[in-house]
């Protein structure tokens, strides 16, 4: 009975490992699909045939608020707060040759600030 219990425990552990791997691969697949879709949507926004209201609607889905501050007569600061952490994010894969082994998301932010000169 003890050997059967040990074997059952090994099989359950193996099952859990396989289920986790399948889940991880599914998540990576969804991430890649979402990333490709996101890139396509951004590329379409540069199309002059896209209507202004469509671009505005798209921006409303990703931007929480935009704040413009005058630093002096020529310098202004534009701060964009996104609804999700799009800024400076980076995927660090556990194994660059086998991306199914997972990744971590590094250095992400919800805010982008830019200083520009009025000319």
N, C-alpha and C. Protein backbone atom coordinates (compact mmCIF):
# COMPACT_ATOMS: atom_id res chain seq x y z
N UNK A 1 0.83 -1.20 0.00
CA UNK A 1 0.00 0.00 0.00
C UNK A 1 0.87 1.26 0.00
N UNK A 2 1.98 1.20 0.77
CA UNK A 2 2.85 2.37 0.82
C UNK A 2 3.43 2.68 -0.55
N UNK A 3 3.85 1.64 -1.28
CA UNK A 3 4.40 1.87 -2.61
C UNK A 3 3.33 2.44 -3.54
N UNK A 4 2.12 2.00 -3.42
CA UNK A 4 1.03 2.53 -4.24
C UNK A 4 0.75 3.99 -3.89
N UNK A 5 0.78 4.31 -2.61
CA UNK A 5 0.58 5.71 -2.19
C UNK A 5 1.69 6.60 -2.74
N UNK A 6 2.92 6.13 -2.70
CA UNK A 6 4.05 6.89 -3.23
C UNK A 6 3.90 7.07 -4.73
N UNK A 7 3.51 6.01 -5.42
CA UNK A 7 3.32 6.08 -6.87
C UNK A 7 2.18 7.04 -7.22
N UNK A 8 1.10 6.99 -6.45
CA UNK A 8 -0.03 7.90 -6.67
C UNK A 8 0.40 9.35 -6.47
N UNK A 9 1.19 9.60 -5.44
CA UNK A 9 1.70 10.94 -5.18
C UNK A 9 2.57 11.43 -6.34
N UNK A 10 3.42 10.56 -6.88
CA UNK A 10 4.26 10.92 -8.03
C UNK A 10 3.41 11.27 -9.24
N UNK A 11 2.40 10.45 -9.48
CA UNK A 11 1.53 10.70 -10.63
C UNK A 11 0.75 12.00 -10.48
N UNK A 12 0.26 12.29 -9.28
CA UNK A 12 -0.45 13.55 -9.05
C UNK A 12 0.48 14.74 -9.23
N UNK A 13 1.71 14.62 -8.77
CA UNK A 13 2.69 15.68 -8.93
C UNK A 13 2.99 15.90 -10.41
N UNK A 14 3.16 14.80 -11.14
CA UNK A 14 3.41 14.88 -12.58
C UNK A 14 2.23 15.53 -13.30
N UNK A 15 1.02 15.16 -12.90
CA UNK A 15 -0.18 15.75 -13.50
C UNK A 15 -0.21 17.26 -13.26
N UNK A 16 0.10 17.68 -12.04
CA UNK A 16 0.10 19.11 -11.71
C UNK A 16 1.14 19.86 -12.55
N UNK A 17 2.30 19.26 -12.72
CA UNK A 17 3.35 19.87 -13.54
C UNK A 17 2.88 20.05 -14.98
N UNK A 18 2.25 19.03 -15.53
CA UNK A 18 1.77 19.09 -16.91
C UNK A 18 0.66 20.13 -17.06
N UNK A 19 -0.26 20.18 -16.11
CA UNK A 19 -1.35 21.16 -16.15
C UNK A 19 -0.77 22.58 -16.08
N UNK A 20 0.22 22.81 -15.22
CA UNK A 20 0.85 24.13 -15.13
C UNK A 20 1.56 24.50 -16.42
N UNK A 21 2.22 23.54 -17.06
CA UNK A 21 2.90 23.81 -18.32
C UNK A 21 1.91 24.16 -19.41
N UNK A 22 0.81 23.43 -19.48
CA UNK A 22 -0.23 23.74 -20.47
C UNK A 22 -0.79 25.13 -20.23
N UNK A 23 -1.06 25.45 -18.98
CA UNK A 23 -1.58 26.78 -18.64
C UNK A 23 -0.59 27.87 -19.03
N UNK A 24 0.68 27.66 -18.75
CA UNK A 24 1.71 28.63 -19.09
C UNK A 24 1.79 28.84 -20.60
N UNK A 25 1.75 27.76 -21.35
CA UNK A 25 1.81 27.87 -22.82
C UNK A 25 0.58 28.60 -23.34
N UNK A 26 -0.57 28.33 -22.74
CA UNK A 26 -1.80 29.01 -23.16
C UNK A 26 -1.70 30.51 -22.90
N UNK A 27 -1.18 30.87 -21.72
CA UNK A 27 -1.02 32.30 -21.39
C UNK A 27 -0.04 32.97 -22.33
N UNK A 28 1.08 32.31 -22.63
CA UNK A 28 2.06 32.88 -23.56
C UNK A 28 1.45 33.06 -24.94
N UNK A 29 0.63 32.10 -25.35
CA UNK A 29 -0.03 32.19 -26.64
C UNK A 29 -0.98 33.38 -26.67
N UNK A 30 -1.75 33.55 -25.58
CA UNK A 30 -2.66 34.69 -25.50
C UNK A 30 -1.89 36.00 -25.50
N UNK A 31 -0.75 36.05 -24.78
CA UNK A 31 0.05 37.27 -24.74
C UNK A 31 0.54 37.62 -26.13
N UNK A 32 1.05 36.63 -26.86
CA UNK A 32 1.56 36.86 -28.21
C UNK A 32 0.44 37.35 -29.11
N UNK A 33 -0.74 36.72 -29.04
CA UNK A 33 -1.87 37.16 -29.85
C UNK A 33 -2.24 38.59 -29.51
N UNK A 34 -2.29 38.92 -28.21
CA UNK A 34 -2.65 40.27 -27.78
C UNK A 34 -1.60 41.26 -28.25
N UNK A 35 -0.32 40.90 -28.14
CA UNK A 35 0.76 41.78 -28.56
C UNK A 35 0.70 42.06 -30.06
N UNK A 36 0.45 41.02 -30.84
CA UNK A 36 0.32 41.21 -32.29
C UNK A 36 -0.87 42.09 -32.63
N UNK A 37 -2.00 41.85 -31.96
CA UNK A 37 -3.19 42.67 -32.20
C UNK A 37 -2.94 44.12 -31.82
N UNK A 38 -2.27 44.33 -30.70
CA UNK A 38 -1.96 45.68 -30.24
C UNK A 38 -1.09 46.41 -31.27
N UNK A 39 -0.06 45.74 -31.76
CA UNK A 39 0.82 46.34 -32.77
C UNK A 39 0.05 46.69 -34.04
N UNK A 40 -0.84 45.82 -34.45
CA UNK A 40 -1.65 46.08 -35.64
C UNK A 40 -2.56 47.29 -35.44
N UNK A 41 -3.15 47.38 -34.25
CA UNK A 41 -4.03 48.53 -33.97
C UNK A 41 -3.25 49.84 -33.98
N UNK A 42 -2.05 49.82 -33.41
CA UNK A 42 -1.23 51.04 -33.42
C UNK A 42 -0.83 51.42 -34.83
N UNK A 43 -0.47 50.45 -35.64
CA UNK A 43 -0.11 50.73 -37.03
C UNK A 43 -1.28 51.33 -37.79
N UNK A 44 -2.49 50.83 -37.53
CA UNK A 44 -3.67 51.35 -38.22
C UNK A 44 -3.97 52.81 -37.83
N UNK A 45 -3.57 53.24 -36.65
CA UNK A 45 -3.84 54.62 -36.22
C UNK A 45 -3.06 55.64 -37.06
N UNK A 46 -1.97 55.22 -37.71
CA UNK A 46 -1.21 56.11 -38.58
C UNK A 46 -1.83 56.27 -39.96
N UNK A 47 -2.81 55.46 -40.26
CA UNK A 47 -3.47 55.50 -41.55
C UNK A 47 -4.31 56.77 -41.66
N UNK A 48 -4.05 57.59 -42.69
CA UNK A 48 -4.82 58.84 -42.84
C UNK A 48 -6.31 58.60 -43.10
N UNK A 49 -6.68 57.39 -43.50
CA UNK A 49 -8.09 57.10 -43.76
C UNK A 49 -8.89 56.84 -42.48
N UNK A 50 -8.21 56.63 -41.36
CA UNK A 50 -8.90 56.42 -40.08
C UNK A 50 -9.47 57.76 -39.62
N UNK A 51 -10.73 57.76 -39.27
CA UNK A 51 -11.41 58.99 -38.86
C UNK A 51 -10.91 59.45 -37.49
N UNK A 52 -10.95 60.76 -37.29
CA UNK A 52 -10.51 61.36 -36.04
C UNK A 52 -11.25 60.77 -34.84
N UNK A 53 -12.56 60.61 -34.95
CA UNK A 53 -13.35 60.06 -33.84
C UNK A 53 -12.95 58.63 -33.50
N UNK A 54 -12.56 57.84 -34.50
CA UNK A 54 -12.09 56.48 -34.24
C UNK A 54 -10.77 56.50 -33.47
N UNK A 55 -9.89 57.42 -33.84
CA UNK A 55 -8.61 57.57 -33.12
C UNK A 55 -8.86 58.03 -31.70
N UNK A 56 -9.79 58.94 -31.54
CA UNK A 56 -10.14 59.45 -30.21
C UNK A 56 -10.71 58.33 -29.33
N UNK A 57 -11.58 57.53 -29.88
CA UNK A 57 -12.15 56.40 -29.14
C UNK A 57 -11.07 55.42 -28.74
N UNK A 58 -10.14 55.15 -29.63
CA UNK A 58 -9.02 54.25 -29.32
C UNK A 58 -8.19 54.80 -28.16
N UNK A 59 -7.87 56.08 -28.21
CA UNK A 59 -7.09 56.70 -27.13
C UNK A 59 -7.82 56.64 -25.80
N UNK A 60 -9.12 56.80 -25.82
CA UNK A 60 -9.89 56.75 -24.57
C UNK A 60 -9.83 55.37 -23.92
N UNK A 61 -9.59 54.34 -24.71
CA UNK A 61 -9.51 52.99 -24.14
C UNK A 61 -8.17 52.74 -23.45
N UNK A 62 -7.14 53.52 -23.78
CA UNK A 62 -5.82 53.27 -23.19
C UNK A 62 -5.31 54.39 -22.30
N UNK A 63 -5.83 55.61 -22.46
CA UNK A 63 -5.34 56.75 -21.69
C UNK A 63 -6.34 57.12 -20.61
N UNK A 64 -5.83 57.24 -19.37
CA UNK A 64 -6.67 57.64 -18.25
C UNK A 64 -6.81 59.15 -18.21
N UNK A 65 -5.67 59.86 -18.28
CA UNK A 65 -5.73 61.32 -18.31
C UNK A 65 -4.43 61.89 -18.87
N UNK A 66 -4.52 63.12 -19.35
CA UNK A 66 -3.36 63.85 -19.88
C UNK A 66 -3.31 65.19 -19.15
N UNK A 67 -2.14 65.50 -18.61
CA UNK A 67 -1.94 66.75 -17.88
C UNK A 67 -0.84 67.55 -18.58
N UNK A 68 -1.12 68.81 -18.86
CA UNK A 68 -0.13 69.69 -19.48
C UNK A 68 0.18 70.80 -18.49
N UNK A 69 1.47 70.97 -18.18
CA UNK A 69 1.92 72.02 -17.26
C UNK A 69 2.93 72.90 -17.97
N UNK A 70 2.82 74.20 -17.75
CA UNK A 70 3.80 75.14 -18.29
C UNK A 70 4.94 75.29 -17.29
N UNK A 71 6.15 74.98 -17.74
CA UNK A 71 7.30 75.14 -16.86
C UNK A 71 7.81 76.58 -16.91
N UNK A 72 7.75 77.17 -18.06
CA UNK A 72 8.04 78.59 -18.27
C UNK A 72 7.37 78.98 -19.59
N UNK A 73 7.78 80.10 -20.19
CA UNK A 73 7.09 80.55 -21.40
C UNK A 73 7.33 79.65 -22.60
N UNK A 74 8.44 78.91 -22.58
CA UNK A 74 8.76 78.07 -23.73
C UNK A 74 8.68 76.57 -23.44
N UNK A 75 8.82 76.17 -22.20
CA UNK A 75 8.83 74.75 -21.87
C UNK A 75 7.50 74.31 -21.26
N UNK A 76 7.07 73.16 -21.72
CA UNK A 76 5.83 72.57 -21.21
C UNK A 76 6.08 71.09 -20.92
N UNK A 77 5.38 70.60 -19.91
CA UNK A 77 5.49 69.18 -19.58
C UNK A 77 4.15 68.50 -19.85
N UNK A 78 4.22 67.44 -20.62
CA UNK A 78 3.05 66.65 -20.95
C UNK A 78 3.16 65.34 -20.20
N UNK A 79 2.19 65.07 -19.33
CA UNK A 79 2.16 63.81 -18.58
C UNK A 79 0.94 63.01 -19.01
N UNK A 80 1.21 61.79 -19.43
CA UNK A 80 0.13 60.91 -19.88
C UNK A 80 0.05 59.76 -18.89
N UNK A 81 -1.13 59.57 -18.30
CA UNK A 81 -1.35 58.44 -17.39
C UNK A 81 -2.20 57.41 -18.12
N UNK A 82 -1.63 56.22 -18.31
CA UNK A 82 -2.31 55.16 -19.02
C UNK A 82 -3.16 54.31 -18.07
N UNK A 83 -4.13 53.61 -18.61
CA UNK A 83 -4.97 52.72 -17.81
C UNK A 83 -4.25 51.42 -17.47
N UNK A 84 -3.24 51.07 -18.27
CA UNK A 84 -2.44 49.87 -18.04
C UNK A 84 -0.97 50.25 -18.14
N UNK A 85 -0.08 49.43 -17.58
CA UNK A 85 1.35 49.78 -17.58
C UNK A 85 2.03 49.52 -18.92
N UNK A 86 1.88 50.47 -19.87
CA UNK A 86 2.45 50.31 -21.20
C UNK A 86 3.88 50.85 -21.31
N UNK A 87 4.27 51.71 -20.41
CA UNK A 87 5.50 52.49 -20.59
C UNK A 87 6.71 51.73 -20.08
N UNK A 88 7.73 51.65 -20.93
CA UNK A 88 9.03 51.06 -20.58
C UNK A 88 8.94 49.62 -20.09
N UNK A 89 7.93 48.89 -20.53
CA UNK A 89 7.87 47.51 -20.10
C UNK A 89 8.80 46.66 -20.96
N UNK A 90 9.22 45.55 -20.40
CA UNK A 90 10.13 44.66 -21.09
C UNK A 90 9.87 43.23 -20.62
N UNK A 91 9.79 42.32 -21.58
CA UNK A 91 9.64 40.92 -21.26
C UNK A 91 11.03 40.30 -21.13
N UNK A 92 11.29 39.68 -20.00
CA UNK A 92 12.53 38.96 -19.78
C UNK A 92 12.17 37.48 -19.74
N UNK A 93 12.55 36.76 -20.79
CA UNK A 93 12.20 35.33 -20.87
C UNK A 93 13.14 34.51 -20.00
N UNK A 94 12.59 33.49 -19.34
CA UNK A 94 13.40 32.58 -18.54
C UNK A 94 14.39 31.83 -19.42
N UNK A 95 13.98 31.52 -20.65
CA UNK A 95 14.86 30.87 -21.62
C UNK A 95 14.52 31.46 -22.99
N UNK A 96 15.41 32.29 -23.52
CA UNK A 96 15.15 33.00 -24.77
C UNK A 96 14.91 32.03 -25.93
N UNK A 97 15.48 30.83 -25.85
CA UNK A 97 15.31 29.85 -26.91
C UNK A 97 14.03 29.03 -26.76
N UNK A 98 13.44 29.04 -25.57
CA UNK A 98 12.19 28.31 -25.32
C UNK A 98 11.27 29.23 -24.51
N UNK A 99 10.54 30.09 -25.21
CA UNK A 99 9.72 31.10 -24.56
C UNK A 99 8.55 30.50 -23.77
N UNK A 100 8.26 29.23 -24.00
CA UNK A 100 7.19 28.59 -23.25
C UNK A 100 7.56 28.38 -21.78
N UNK A 101 8.83 28.58 -21.45
CA UNK A 101 9.27 28.41 -20.06
C UNK A 101 8.93 29.62 -19.20
N UNK A 102 8.28 30.62 -19.80
CA UNK A 102 7.77 31.75 -19.03
C UNK A 102 8.65 32.99 -19.12
N UNK A 103 8.19 34.04 -18.48
CA UNK A 103 8.86 35.33 -18.52
C UNK A 103 8.47 36.13 -17.30
N UNK A 104 9.19 37.23 -17.09
CA UNK A 104 8.79 38.21 -16.09
C UNK A 104 8.65 39.55 -16.81
N UNK A 105 7.76 40.38 -16.32
CA UNK A 105 7.56 41.71 -16.86
C UNK A 105 8.38 42.67 -16.01
N UNK A 106 9.27 43.44 -16.64
CA UNK A 106 10.20 44.27 -15.90
C UNK A 106 10.00 45.75 -16.25
N UNK A 107 10.20 46.58 -15.24
CA UNK A 107 10.26 48.04 -15.41
C UNK A 107 9.07 48.62 -16.15
N UNK A 108 7.88 48.36 -15.66
CA UNK A 108 6.70 48.91 -16.31
C UNK A 108 6.18 50.11 -15.52
N UNK A 109 5.46 50.97 -16.22
CA UNK A 109 4.93 52.17 -15.58
C UNK A 109 3.60 52.53 -16.23
N UNK A 110 2.78 53.24 -15.48
CA UNK A 110 1.51 53.74 -15.99
C UNK A 110 1.64 55.16 -16.54
N UNK A 111 2.79 55.80 -16.36
CA UNK A 111 2.91 57.22 -16.64
C UNK A 111 4.09 57.51 -17.55
N UNK A 112 3.87 58.45 -18.47
CA UNK A 112 4.92 58.93 -19.36
C UNK A 112 4.92 60.45 -19.27
N UNK A 113 6.09 61.03 -19.01
CA UNK A 113 6.21 62.49 -18.94
C UNK A 113 7.23 62.93 -19.99
N UNK A 114 6.87 63.99 -20.72
CA UNK A 114 7.73 64.53 -21.77
C UNK A 114 7.76 66.04 -21.62
N UNK A 115 8.95 66.61 -21.72
CA UNK A 115 9.09 68.08 -21.71
C UNK A 115 9.35 68.49 -23.14
N UNK A 116 8.61 69.50 -23.61
CA UNK A 116 8.80 69.95 -24.99
C UNK A 116 8.86 71.47 -25.01
N UNK A 117 9.46 71.99 -26.07
CA UNK A 117 9.63 73.43 -26.26
C UNK A 117 8.59 73.93 -27.25
N UNK A 118 8.00 75.05 -26.93
CA UNK A 118 7.08 75.70 -27.87
C UNK A 118 7.91 76.57 -28.79
N UNK A 119 7.70 76.42 -30.05
CA UNK A 119 8.46 77.22 -31.04
C UNK A 119 7.55 78.09 -31.85
